[in-house]
N, C-alpha and C. Protein backbone atom coordinates (compact mmCIF):
# COMPACT_ATOMS: atom_id res chain seq x y z
N MET A 1 -131.42 -118.86 -19.38
CA MET A 1 -129.96 -118.80 -19.36
C MET A 1 -129.37 -120.06 -19.99
N ARG A 2 -129.90 -121.21 -19.60
CA ARG A 2 -129.37 -122.48 -20.12
C ARG A 2 -129.58 -122.59 -21.63
N LEU A 3 -130.75 -122.15 -22.11
CA LEU A 3 -131.04 -122.18 -23.54
C LEU A 3 -130.09 -121.25 -24.29
N LYS A 4 -129.84 -120.08 -23.70
CA LYS A 4 -128.94 -119.11 -24.32
C LYS A 4 -127.53 -119.70 -24.45
N THR A 5 -127.06 -120.35 -23.39
CA THR A 5 -125.74 -120.98 -23.40
C THR A 5 -125.68 -122.09 -24.44
N LEU A 6 -126.74 -122.89 -24.50
CA LEU A 6 -126.81 -123.98 -25.47
C LEU A 6 -126.78 -123.45 -26.90
N LEU A 7 -127.56 -122.40 -27.16
CA LEU A 7 -127.58 -121.80 -28.50
C LEU A 7 -126.23 -121.20 -28.87
N LEU A 8 -125.62 -120.49 -27.92
CA LEU A 8 -124.32 -119.88 -28.17
C LEU A 8 -123.27 -120.96 -28.42
N GLY A 9 -123.26 -121.98 -27.58
CA GLY A 9 -122.30 -123.08 -27.74
C GLY A 9 -122.50 -123.80 -29.06
N GLY A 10 -123.76 -124.04 -29.42
CA GLY A 10 -124.07 -124.71 -30.69
C GLY A 10 -123.63 -123.89 -31.88
N SER A 11 -123.85 -122.58 -31.82
CA SER A 11 -123.45 -121.75 -32.96
C SER A 11 -121.93 -121.65 -33.06
N LEU A 12 -121.23 -121.62 -31.92
CA LEU A 12 -119.77 -121.61 -31.96
C LEU A 12 -119.23 -122.92 -32.53
N LEU A 13 -119.82 -124.03 -32.13
CA LEU A 13 -119.40 -125.33 -32.64
C LEU A 13 -119.64 -125.42 -34.14
N PHE A 14 -120.81 -124.97 -34.59
CA PHE A 14 -121.13 -124.98 -36.01
C PHE A 14 -120.15 -124.10 -36.79
N SER A 15 -119.81 -122.93 -36.25
CA SER A 15 -118.86 -122.04 -36.91
C SER A 15 -117.49 -122.69 -37.02
N ALA A 16 -117.05 -123.35 -35.95
CA ALA A 16 -115.74 -124.00 -35.95
C ALA A 16 -115.71 -125.14 -36.97
N MET A 17 -116.80 -125.91 -37.05
CA MET A 17 -116.86 -127.00 -38.02
C MET A 17 -116.85 -126.44 -39.44
N ALA A 18 -117.60 -125.41 -39.69
CA ALA A 18 -117.64 -124.81 -41.03
C ALA A 18 -116.26 -124.26 -41.39
N TRP A 19 -115.57 -123.64 -40.44
CA TRP A 19 -114.24 -123.09 -40.70
C TRP A 19 -113.25 -124.21 -41.03
N ALA A 20 -113.32 -125.31 -40.28
CA ALA A 20 -112.38 -126.41 -40.49
C ALA A 20 -112.60 -127.09 -41.84
N GLN A 21 -113.83 -127.11 -42.33
CA GLN A 21 -114.12 -127.77 -43.60
C GLN A 21 -114.08 -126.80 -44.77
N ASN A 22 -113.93 -125.51 -44.49
CA ASN A 22 -113.97 -124.51 -45.55
C ASN A 22 -112.71 -124.59 -46.39
N GLY A 23 -112.89 -124.54 -47.67
CA GLY A 23 -111.78 -124.42 -48.60
C GLY A 23 -110.71 -125.47 -48.43
N ASN A 24 -109.53 -125.02 -48.04
CA ASN A 24 -108.34 -125.87 -48.04
C ASN A 24 -108.08 -126.59 -46.73
N ASP A 25 -108.96 -126.51 -45.76
CA ASP A 25 -108.68 -127.06 -44.45
C ASP A 25 -109.25 -128.46 -44.23
N LYS A 26 -109.74 -129.10 -45.26
CA LYS A 26 -110.31 -130.44 -45.14
C LYS A 26 -109.18 -131.45 -44.91
N VAL A 27 -109.33 -132.28 -43.89
CA VAL A 27 -108.33 -133.30 -43.58
C VAL A 27 -108.81 -134.64 -44.14
N LEU A 28 -108.08 -135.16 -45.12
CA LEU A 28 -108.39 -136.48 -45.67
C LEU A 28 -107.50 -137.50 -44.96
N LYS A 29 -108.12 -138.57 -44.48
CA LYS A 29 -107.40 -139.58 -43.72
C LYS A 29 -107.67 -140.95 -44.34
N GLY A 30 -106.64 -141.79 -44.37
CA GLY A 30 -106.79 -143.11 -44.97
C GLY A 30 -106.32 -143.09 -46.41
N LYS A 31 -106.68 -144.14 -47.15
CA LYS A 31 -106.25 -144.25 -48.55
C LYS A 31 -106.94 -143.16 -49.38
N ILE A 32 -106.14 -142.50 -50.21
CA ILE A 32 -106.66 -141.42 -51.06
C ILE A 32 -106.36 -141.78 -52.51
N GLU A 33 -107.36 -141.69 -53.34
CA GLU A 33 -107.19 -141.89 -54.78
C GLU A 33 -106.84 -140.56 -55.43
N MET A 34 -106.03 -140.59 -56.48
CA MET A 34 -105.66 -139.36 -57.16
C MET A 34 -106.89 -138.63 -57.68
N LYS A 35 -107.89 -139.36 -58.17
CA LYS A 35 -109.08 -138.71 -58.71
C LYS A 35 -109.81 -137.91 -57.63
N THR A 36 -109.72 -138.35 -56.38
CA THR A 36 -110.32 -137.59 -55.28
C THR A 36 -109.63 -136.24 -55.15
N LEU A 37 -108.30 -136.24 -55.21
CA LEU A 37 -107.55 -134.99 -55.11
C LEU A 37 -107.82 -134.08 -56.31
N MET A 38 -108.02 -134.67 -57.47
CA MET A 38 -108.26 -133.88 -58.68
C MET A 38 -109.66 -133.28 -58.70
N GLN A 39 -110.63 -133.94 -58.07
CA GLN A 39 -112.03 -133.52 -58.20
C GLN A 39 -112.59 -132.78 -57.00
N ASP A 40 -112.02 -132.96 -55.83
CA ASP A 40 -112.56 -132.34 -54.61
C ASP A 40 -112.19 -130.86 -54.59
N GLU A 41 -113.18 -130.00 -54.46
CA GLU A 41 -112.89 -128.55 -54.48
C GLU A 41 -112.02 -128.11 -53.31
N SER A 42 -112.00 -128.88 -52.24
CA SER A 42 -111.16 -128.51 -51.09
C SER A 42 -109.69 -128.82 -51.34
N THR A 43 -109.39 -129.53 -52.43
CA THR A 43 -108.00 -129.84 -52.76
C THR A 43 -107.61 -129.24 -54.11
N ALA A 44 -108.11 -128.05 -54.39
CA ALA A 44 -107.78 -127.35 -55.64
C ALA A 44 -106.27 -127.12 -55.75
N TRP A 45 -105.58 -127.04 -54.61
CA TRP A 45 -104.13 -126.88 -54.60
C TRP A 45 -103.44 -128.04 -55.33
N PHE A 46 -104.03 -129.23 -55.29
CA PHE A 46 -103.43 -130.39 -55.95
C PHE A 46 -103.43 -130.21 -57.46
N TYR A 47 -104.58 -129.90 -58.01
CA TYR A 47 -104.72 -129.71 -59.46
C TYR A 47 -103.79 -128.60 -59.95
N LYS A 48 -103.77 -127.51 -59.21
CA LYS A 48 -102.91 -126.37 -59.56
C LYS A 48 -101.43 -126.77 -59.50
N GLY A 49 -101.04 -127.49 -58.46
CA GLY A 49 -99.65 -127.91 -58.30
C GLY A 49 -99.19 -128.86 -59.39
N VAL A 50 -100.06 -129.81 -59.77
CA VAL A 50 -99.72 -130.74 -60.85
C VAL A 50 -99.51 -129.97 -62.15
N ASN A 51 -100.40 -129.05 -62.45
CA ASN A 51 -100.31 -128.31 -63.71
C ASN A 51 -99.15 -127.34 -63.76
N ASN A 52 -98.74 -126.80 -62.63
CA ASN A 52 -97.68 -125.78 -62.61
C ASN A 52 -96.27 -126.35 -62.52
N TYR A 53 -96.11 -127.59 -62.07
CA TYR A 53 -94.76 -128.12 -61.85
C TYR A 53 -94.11 -128.55 -63.15
N GLN A 54 -92.85 -128.19 -63.32
CA GLN A 54 -92.06 -128.58 -64.49
C GLN A 54 -90.88 -129.43 -64.04
N PRO A 55 -90.98 -130.75 -64.16
CA PRO A 55 -89.89 -131.62 -63.72
C PRO A 55 -88.66 -131.52 -64.63
N ASN A 56 -87.52 -131.87 -64.07
CA ASN A 56 -86.25 -131.91 -64.80
C ASN A 56 -86.30 -133.07 -65.80
N ASP A 57 -86.09 -132.77 -67.08
CA ASP A 57 -86.21 -133.78 -68.14
C ASP A 57 -85.24 -134.94 -67.98
N ARG A 58 -84.01 -134.65 -67.59
CA ARG A 58 -83.00 -135.71 -67.45
C ARG A 58 -83.40 -136.70 -66.36
N MET A 59 -83.84 -136.17 -65.23
CA MET A 59 -84.27 -137.04 -64.12
C MET A 59 -85.55 -137.80 -64.51
N LEU A 60 -86.43 -137.11 -65.20
CA LEU A 60 -87.68 -137.71 -65.64
C LEU A 60 -87.41 -138.88 -66.59
N ASN A 61 -86.47 -138.72 -67.50
CA ASN A 61 -86.12 -139.80 -68.43
C ASN A 61 -85.55 -141.00 -67.69
N TYR A 62 -84.75 -140.75 -66.64
CA TYR A 62 -84.21 -141.84 -65.84
C TYR A 62 -85.35 -142.61 -65.16
N LEU A 63 -86.31 -141.86 -64.59
CA LEU A 63 -87.44 -142.50 -63.93
C LEU A 63 -88.30 -143.28 -64.93
N LYS A 64 -88.50 -142.73 -66.12
CA LYS A 64 -89.25 -143.44 -67.17
C LYS A 64 -88.60 -144.78 -67.47
N ALA A 65 -87.29 -144.76 -67.63
CA ALA A 65 -86.55 -145.98 -67.98
C ALA A 65 -86.57 -147.01 -66.85
N ASN A 66 -86.78 -146.56 -65.62
CA ASN A 66 -86.72 -147.46 -64.46
C ASN A 66 -88.06 -147.57 -63.74
N ARG A 67 -89.13 -147.12 -64.35
CA ARG A 67 -90.42 -147.06 -63.65
C ARG A 67 -90.94 -148.41 -63.18
N SER A 68 -90.55 -149.48 -63.82
CA SER A 68 -91.04 -150.80 -63.39
C SER A 68 -90.23 -151.35 -62.22
N ASN A 69 -89.19 -150.64 -61.81
CA ASN A 69 -88.31 -151.13 -60.75
C ASN A 69 -88.69 -150.67 -59.35
N PHE A 70 -89.74 -149.88 -59.21
CA PHE A 70 -90.07 -149.37 -57.88
C PHE A 70 -91.56 -149.09 -57.74
N ASN A 71 -92.01 -149.07 -56.48
CA ASN A 71 -93.35 -148.66 -56.09
C ASN A 71 -93.20 -147.66 -54.96
N LEU A 72 -94.22 -146.83 -54.77
CA LEU A 72 -94.16 -145.80 -53.74
C LEU A 72 -95.34 -145.89 -52.80
N VAL A 73 -95.08 -145.64 -51.53
CA VAL A 73 -96.13 -145.38 -50.55
C VAL A 73 -95.88 -143.96 -50.07
N VAL A 74 -96.91 -143.15 -50.13
CA VAL A 74 -96.80 -141.75 -49.74
C VAL A 74 -97.77 -141.48 -48.61
N VAL A 75 -97.27 -140.85 -47.55
CA VAL A 75 -98.13 -140.41 -46.46
C VAL A 75 -98.06 -138.89 -46.43
N MET A 76 -99.22 -138.27 -46.55
CA MET A 76 -99.29 -136.81 -46.61
C MET A 76 -100.34 -136.29 -45.64
N GLY A 77 -100.28 -135.01 -45.39
CA GLY A 77 -101.32 -134.32 -44.64
C GLY A 77 -101.95 -133.28 -45.54
N THR A 78 -103.25 -133.39 -45.79
CA THR A 78 -103.89 -132.39 -46.64
C THR A 78 -103.91 -131.03 -45.96
N TRP A 79 -103.61 -131.01 -44.69
CA TRP A 79 -103.55 -129.79 -43.88
C TRP A 79 -102.15 -129.19 -43.89
N ASP A 80 -101.16 -129.91 -44.44
CA ASP A 80 -99.75 -129.54 -44.34
C ASP A 80 -99.27 -128.85 -45.62
N GLU A 81 -98.65 -127.69 -45.48
CA GLU A 81 -98.18 -126.91 -46.64
C GLU A 81 -97.12 -127.65 -47.46
N THR A 82 -96.19 -128.33 -46.81
CA THR A 82 -95.16 -129.06 -47.55
C THR A 82 -95.78 -130.19 -48.35
N SER A 83 -96.73 -130.90 -47.77
CA SER A 83 -97.44 -131.96 -48.50
C SER A 83 -98.17 -131.38 -49.70
N ARG A 84 -98.77 -130.22 -49.52
CA ARG A 84 -99.51 -129.57 -50.62
C ARG A 84 -98.59 -129.15 -51.76
N LYS A 85 -97.31 -129.03 -51.49
CA LYS A 85 -96.34 -128.69 -52.53
C LYS A 85 -95.76 -129.96 -53.15
N VAL A 86 -95.29 -130.88 -52.31
CA VAL A 86 -94.53 -132.05 -52.77
C VAL A 86 -95.42 -133.09 -53.46
N VAL A 87 -96.59 -133.37 -52.92
CA VAL A 87 -97.42 -134.45 -53.49
C VAL A 87 -97.88 -134.14 -54.92
N PRO A 88 -98.34 -132.93 -55.22
CA PRO A 88 -98.66 -132.65 -56.64
C PRO A 88 -97.44 -132.76 -57.55
N GLU A 89 -96.28 -132.33 -57.06
CA GLU A 89 -95.04 -132.46 -57.85
C GLU A 89 -94.74 -133.93 -58.12
N LEU A 90 -94.89 -134.77 -57.10
CA LEU A 90 -94.66 -136.21 -57.26
C LEU A 90 -95.60 -136.79 -58.31
N TYR A 91 -96.87 -136.45 -58.22
CA TYR A 91 -97.83 -136.98 -59.19
C TYR A 91 -97.54 -136.49 -60.60
N LYS A 92 -97.11 -135.25 -60.75
CA LYS A 92 -96.74 -134.75 -62.08
C LYS A 92 -95.60 -135.59 -62.64
N VAL A 93 -94.61 -135.88 -61.80
CA VAL A 93 -93.46 -136.69 -62.22
C VAL A 93 -93.93 -138.09 -62.62
N MET A 94 -94.74 -138.70 -61.80
CA MET A 94 -95.18 -140.08 -62.06
C MET A 94 -96.07 -140.15 -63.30
N ILE A 95 -96.95 -139.19 -63.47
CA ILE A 95 -97.82 -139.15 -64.65
C ILE A 95 -96.98 -138.98 -65.91
N THR A 96 -96.05 -138.02 -65.86
CA THR A 96 -95.21 -137.73 -67.02
C THR A 96 -94.29 -138.91 -67.35
N ALA A 97 -93.88 -139.65 -66.32
CA ALA A 97 -93.02 -140.82 -66.54
C ALA A 97 -93.81 -142.03 -67.04
N GLY A 98 -95.13 -141.88 -67.13
CA GLY A 98 -95.95 -142.98 -67.64
C GLY A 98 -96.20 -144.08 -66.63
N SER A 99 -96.09 -143.75 -65.35
CA SER A 99 -96.30 -144.75 -64.31
C SER A 99 -97.78 -144.96 -64.07
N PRO A 100 -98.20 -146.21 -63.88
CA PRO A 100 -99.62 -146.48 -63.61
C PRO A 100 -100.01 -146.00 -62.21
N ASP A 101 -101.29 -145.69 -62.04
CA ASP A 101 -101.80 -145.21 -60.75
C ASP A 101 -101.45 -146.13 -59.60
N GLU A 102 -101.50 -147.44 -59.85
CA GLU A 102 -101.26 -148.39 -58.76
C GLU A 102 -99.81 -148.44 -58.30
N GLN A 103 -98.94 -147.71 -58.96
CA GLN A 103 -97.53 -147.66 -58.55
C GLN A 103 -97.36 -146.74 -57.34
N VAL A 104 -98.35 -145.88 -57.08
CA VAL A 104 -98.30 -144.96 -55.95
C VAL A 104 -99.49 -145.26 -55.05
N LEU A 105 -99.21 -145.57 -53.80
CA LEU A 105 -100.24 -145.79 -52.80
C LEU A 105 -100.18 -144.59 -51.86
N LEU A 106 -101.26 -143.81 -51.82
CA LEU A 106 -101.28 -142.55 -51.07
C LEU A 106 -102.20 -142.66 -49.87
N PHE A 107 -101.68 -142.25 -48.71
CA PHE A 107 -102.47 -142.22 -47.48
C PHE A 107 -102.48 -140.81 -46.91
N GLY A 108 -103.64 -140.39 -46.45
CA GLY A 108 -103.76 -139.12 -45.75
C GLY A 108 -103.61 -139.36 -44.26
N ALA A 109 -102.89 -138.46 -43.60
CA ALA A 109 -102.69 -138.55 -42.15
C ALA A 109 -103.27 -137.31 -41.49
N ASP A 110 -103.71 -137.49 -40.26
CA ASP A 110 -104.13 -136.32 -39.50
C ASP A 110 -102.91 -135.74 -38.79
N GLU A 111 -103.12 -134.72 -37.97
CA GLU A 111 -102.00 -134.05 -37.30
C GLU A 111 -101.27 -134.96 -36.31
N LYS A 112 -101.90 -136.08 -35.92
CA LYS A 112 -101.26 -137.04 -35.01
C LYS A 112 -100.54 -138.15 -35.77
N MET A 113 -100.45 -138.01 -37.10
CA MET A 113 -99.80 -138.98 -38.00
C MET A 113 -100.56 -140.30 -38.06
N GLN A 114 -101.85 -140.29 -37.76
CA GLN A 114 -102.70 -141.47 -37.89
C GLN A 114 -103.22 -141.53 -39.32
N THR A 115 -103.08 -142.69 -39.98
CA THR A 115 -103.47 -142.82 -41.38
C THR A 115 -104.61 -143.80 -41.63
N ASP A 116 -104.92 -144.65 -40.69
CA ASP A 116 -105.88 -145.75 -40.88
C ASP A 116 -105.36 -146.77 -41.89
N SER A 117 -104.06 -146.78 -42.13
CA SER A 117 -103.45 -147.75 -43.04
C SER A 117 -103.32 -149.08 -42.31
N PRO A 118 -103.51 -150.20 -43.02
CA PRO A 118 -103.32 -151.50 -42.37
C PRO A 118 -101.86 -151.77 -42.02
N THR A 119 -100.94 -151.01 -42.59
CA THR A 119 -99.51 -151.17 -42.32
C THR A 119 -99.00 -149.94 -41.59
N ASP A 120 -98.16 -150.16 -40.59
CA ASP A 120 -97.54 -149.03 -39.89
C ASP A 120 -96.23 -148.70 -40.60
N TYR A 121 -96.22 -147.57 -41.29
CA TYR A 121 -95.02 -147.16 -42.03
C TYR A 121 -94.06 -146.32 -41.19
N LYS A 122 -94.36 -146.18 -39.90
CA LYS A 122 -93.49 -145.46 -38.96
C LYS A 122 -93.15 -144.05 -39.46
N VAL A 123 -94.19 -143.33 -39.83
CA VAL A 123 -94.03 -141.97 -40.33
C VAL A 123 -94.08 -141.00 -39.16
N LYS A 124 -93.07 -140.11 -39.12
CA LYS A 124 -92.99 -139.12 -38.05
C LYS A 124 -93.25 -137.71 -38.57
N LYS A 125 -93.18 -137.55 -39.90
CA LYS A 125 -93.35 -136.24 -40.51
C LYS A 125 -93.98 -136.42 -41.89
N VAL A 126 -94.83 -135.46 -42.26
CA VAL A 126 -95.40 -135.50 -43.60
C VAL A 126 -94.82 -134.37 -44.44
N PRO A 127 -94.74 -134.56 -45.73
CA PRO A 127 -94.99 -135.80 -46.44
C PRO A 127 -93.81 -136.76 -46.29
N THR A 128 -94.10 -138.03 -46.37
CA THR A 128 -93.06 -139.06 -46.43
C THR A 128 -93.33 -139.92 -47.66
N VAL A 129 -92.34 -140.01 -48.52
CA VAL A 129 -92.41 -140.84 -49.72
C VAL A 129 -91.49 -142.03 -49.46
N ILE A 130 -92.06 -143.23 -49.43
CA ILE A 130 -91.30 -144.45 -49.17
C ILE A 130 -91.15 -145.20 -50.49
N VAL A 131 -89.92 -145.49 -50.85
CA VAL A 131 -89.62 -146.16 -52.11
C VAL A 131 -89.39 -147.65 -51.84
N PHE A 132 -90.12 -148.49 -52.57
CA PHE A 132 -90.00 -149.94 -52.45
C PHE A 132 -89.50 -150.53 -53.76
N ARG A 133 -88.64 -151.52 -53.62
CA ARG A 133 -88.18 -152.29 -54.78
C ARG A 133 -88.33 -153.75 -54.42
N GLU A 134 -89.08 -154.48 -55.21
CA GLU A 134 -89.36 -155.90 -54.95
C GLU A 134 -89.88 -156.12 -53.53
N GLY A 135 -90.75 -155.22 -53.08
CA GLY A 135 -91.39 -155.36 -51.78
C GLY A 135 -90.57 -154.90 -50.59
N LYS A 136 -89.32 -154.48 -50.81
CA LYS A 136 -88.46 -154.03 -49.71
C LYS A 136 -88.28 -152.52 -49.78
N GLU A 137 -88.32 -151.89 -48.62
CA GLU A 137 -88.07 -150.45 -48.57
C GLU A 137 -86.60 -150.19 -48.90
N VAL A 138 -86.36 -149.28 -49.85
CA VAL A 138 -84.99 -148.95 -50.24
C VAL A 138 -84.64 -147.48 -49.99
N GLY A 139 -85.62 -146.68 -49.61
CA GLY A 139 -85.32 -145.28 -49.32
C GLY A 139 -86.57 -144.49 -48.99
N ARG A 140 -86.31 -143.30 -48.43
CA ARG A 140 -87.40 -142.39 -48.06
C ARG A 140 -87.03 -140.96 -48.40
N ILE A 141 -88.05 -140.21 -48.73
CA ILE A 141 -87.93 -138.76 -48.84
C ILE A 141 -88.88 -138.22 -47.79
N VAL A 142 -88.33 -137.54 -46.80
CA VAL A 142 -89.14 -137.03 -45.69
C VAL A 142 -89.15 -135.51 -45.74
N GLY A 143 -90.35 -134.97 -45.77
CA GLY A 143 -90.48 -133.51 -45.85
C GLY A 143 -90.13 -133.01 -47.23
N GLU A 144 -89.51 -131.87 -47.27
CA GLU A 144 -89.09 -131.24 -48.54
C GLU A 144 -87.94 -132.04 -49.15
N PRO A 145 -88.00 -132.36 -50.45
CA PRO A 145 -86.87 -133.06 -51.08
C PRO A 145 -85.59 -132.23 -51.01
N LYS A 146 -84.44 -132.92 -50.98
CA LYS A 146 -83.16 -132.20 -50.93
C LYS A 146 -82.89 -131.46 -52.23
N GLU A 147 -83.12 -132.13 -53.36
CA GLU A 147 -82.88 -131.53 -54.68
C GLU A 147 -84.22 -131.18 -55.32
N SER A 148 -84.95 -132.19 -55.71
CA SER A 148 -86.30 -132.10 -56.28
C SER A 148 -86.90 -133.48 -56.08
N ILE A 149 -88.19 -133.60 -56.23
CA ILE A 149 -88.80 -134.91 -56.01
C ILE A 149 -88.27 -135.93 -57.02
N GLU A 150 -88.13 -135.51 -58.29
CA GLU A 150 -87.62 -136.44 -59.30
C GLU A 150 -86.13 -136.71 -59.11
N GLY A 151 -85.38 -135.71 -58.65
CA GLY A 151 -83.95 -135.90 -58.39
C GLY A 151 -83.71 -136.85 -57.23
N ASP A 152 -84.46 -136.65 -56.14
CA ASP A 152 -84.30 -137.53 -54.98
C ASP A 152 -84.73 -138.96 -55.29
N LEU A 153 -85.84 -139.12 -56.02
CA LEU A 153 -86.28 -140.47 -56.41
C LEU A 153 -85.24 -141.15 -57.29
N SER A 154 -84.72 -140.41 -58.26
CA SER A 154 -83.69 -140.97 -59.16
C SER A 154 -82.47 -141.42 -58.38
N ARG A 155 -82.05 -140.61 -57.42
CA ARG A 155 -80.87 -140.94 -56.61
C ARG A 155 -81.11 -142.22 -55.80
N ILE A 156 -82.28 -142.36 -55.21
CA ILE A 156 -82.59 -143.57 -54.43
C ILE A 156 -82.55 -144.80 -55.34
N ILE A 157 -83.17 -144.70 -56.49
CA ILE A 157 -83.21 -145.84 -57.42
C ILE A 157 -81.82 -146.17 -57.96
N LEU A 158 -81.06 -145.14 -58.30
CA LEU A 158 -79.69 -145.35 -58.80
C LEU A 158 -78.82 -146.01 -57.73
N ASN A 159 -78.89 -145.51 -56.49
CA ASN A 159 -78.09 -146.10 -55.41
C ASN A 159 -78.48 -147.55 -55.14
N THR A 160 -79.76 -147.86 -55.24
CA THR A 160 -80.21 -149.23 -55.06
C THR A 160 -79.67 -150.13 -56.16
N SER A 161 -79.70 -149.63 -57.40
CA SER A 161 -79.17 -150.41 -58.53
C SER A 161 -77.68 -150.66 -58.37
N LYS A 162 -76.95 -149.64 -57.92
CA LYS A 162 -75.50 -149.80 -57.72
C LYS A 162 -75.21 -150.86 -56.67
N LYS A 163 -75.96 -150.84 -55.57
CA LYS A 163 -75.75 -151.84 -54.51
C LYS A 163 -76.02 -153.24 -55.03
N GLU A 164 -77.10 -153.39 -55.82
CA GLU A 164 -77.45 -154.70 -56.35
C GLU A 164 -76.44 -155.20 -57.37
N ASN A 165 -75.77 -154.28 -58.05
CA ASN A 165 -74.78 -154.65 -59.07
C ASN A 165 -73.36 -154.63 -58.54
N GLY A 166 -73.21 -154.63 -57.24
CA GLY A 166 -71.87 -154.65 -56.64
C GLY A 166 -71.11 -153.36 -56.79
N GLY A 167 -71.82 -152.24 -56.82
CA GLY A 167 -71.15 -150.94 -56.86
C GLY A 167 -70.98 -150.37 -58.24
N THR A 168 -71.32 -151.11 -59.27
CA THR A 168 -71.23 -150.56 -60.63
C THR A 168 -72.61 -150.52 -61.23
N ASP A 169 -72.79 -149.58 -62.14
CA ASP A 169 -74.10 -149.47 -62.80
C ASP A 169 -73.94 -149.26 -64.27
């Protein structure tokens, strides 16, 4: 009886582990490199999302012109549908704007919002895109963007520039 229970429990545990790691259910935690998302078969949604997204040209041109003025920290959940939509769109925008990889620091979070990041970014929901200018946080996009990822980023950067220039730009 005990052996039967042990075998049944072991096979259930193995099945649950296989299900959790199958396909799109892999949870990446900690710092994530873009190449990991591009190459890992469990994150095929990333490659597809980057290739399918068409950013707004006007917003993209604004970001290109201002790309040296900001850095991003992104906290996402590879298990989260909104993250799976927004993060590939963000990378498409940043790649198309000619931004270097080091301009975006990406962290994976588990369902408890734990990232293993050395900095606590006080994230309560994924995805969260934190915009920094000269080392200071100047804005956040939490969850689904209001307009589009490039539109929301442009608005944050424009508003920051206006504040720094005394309300005129």
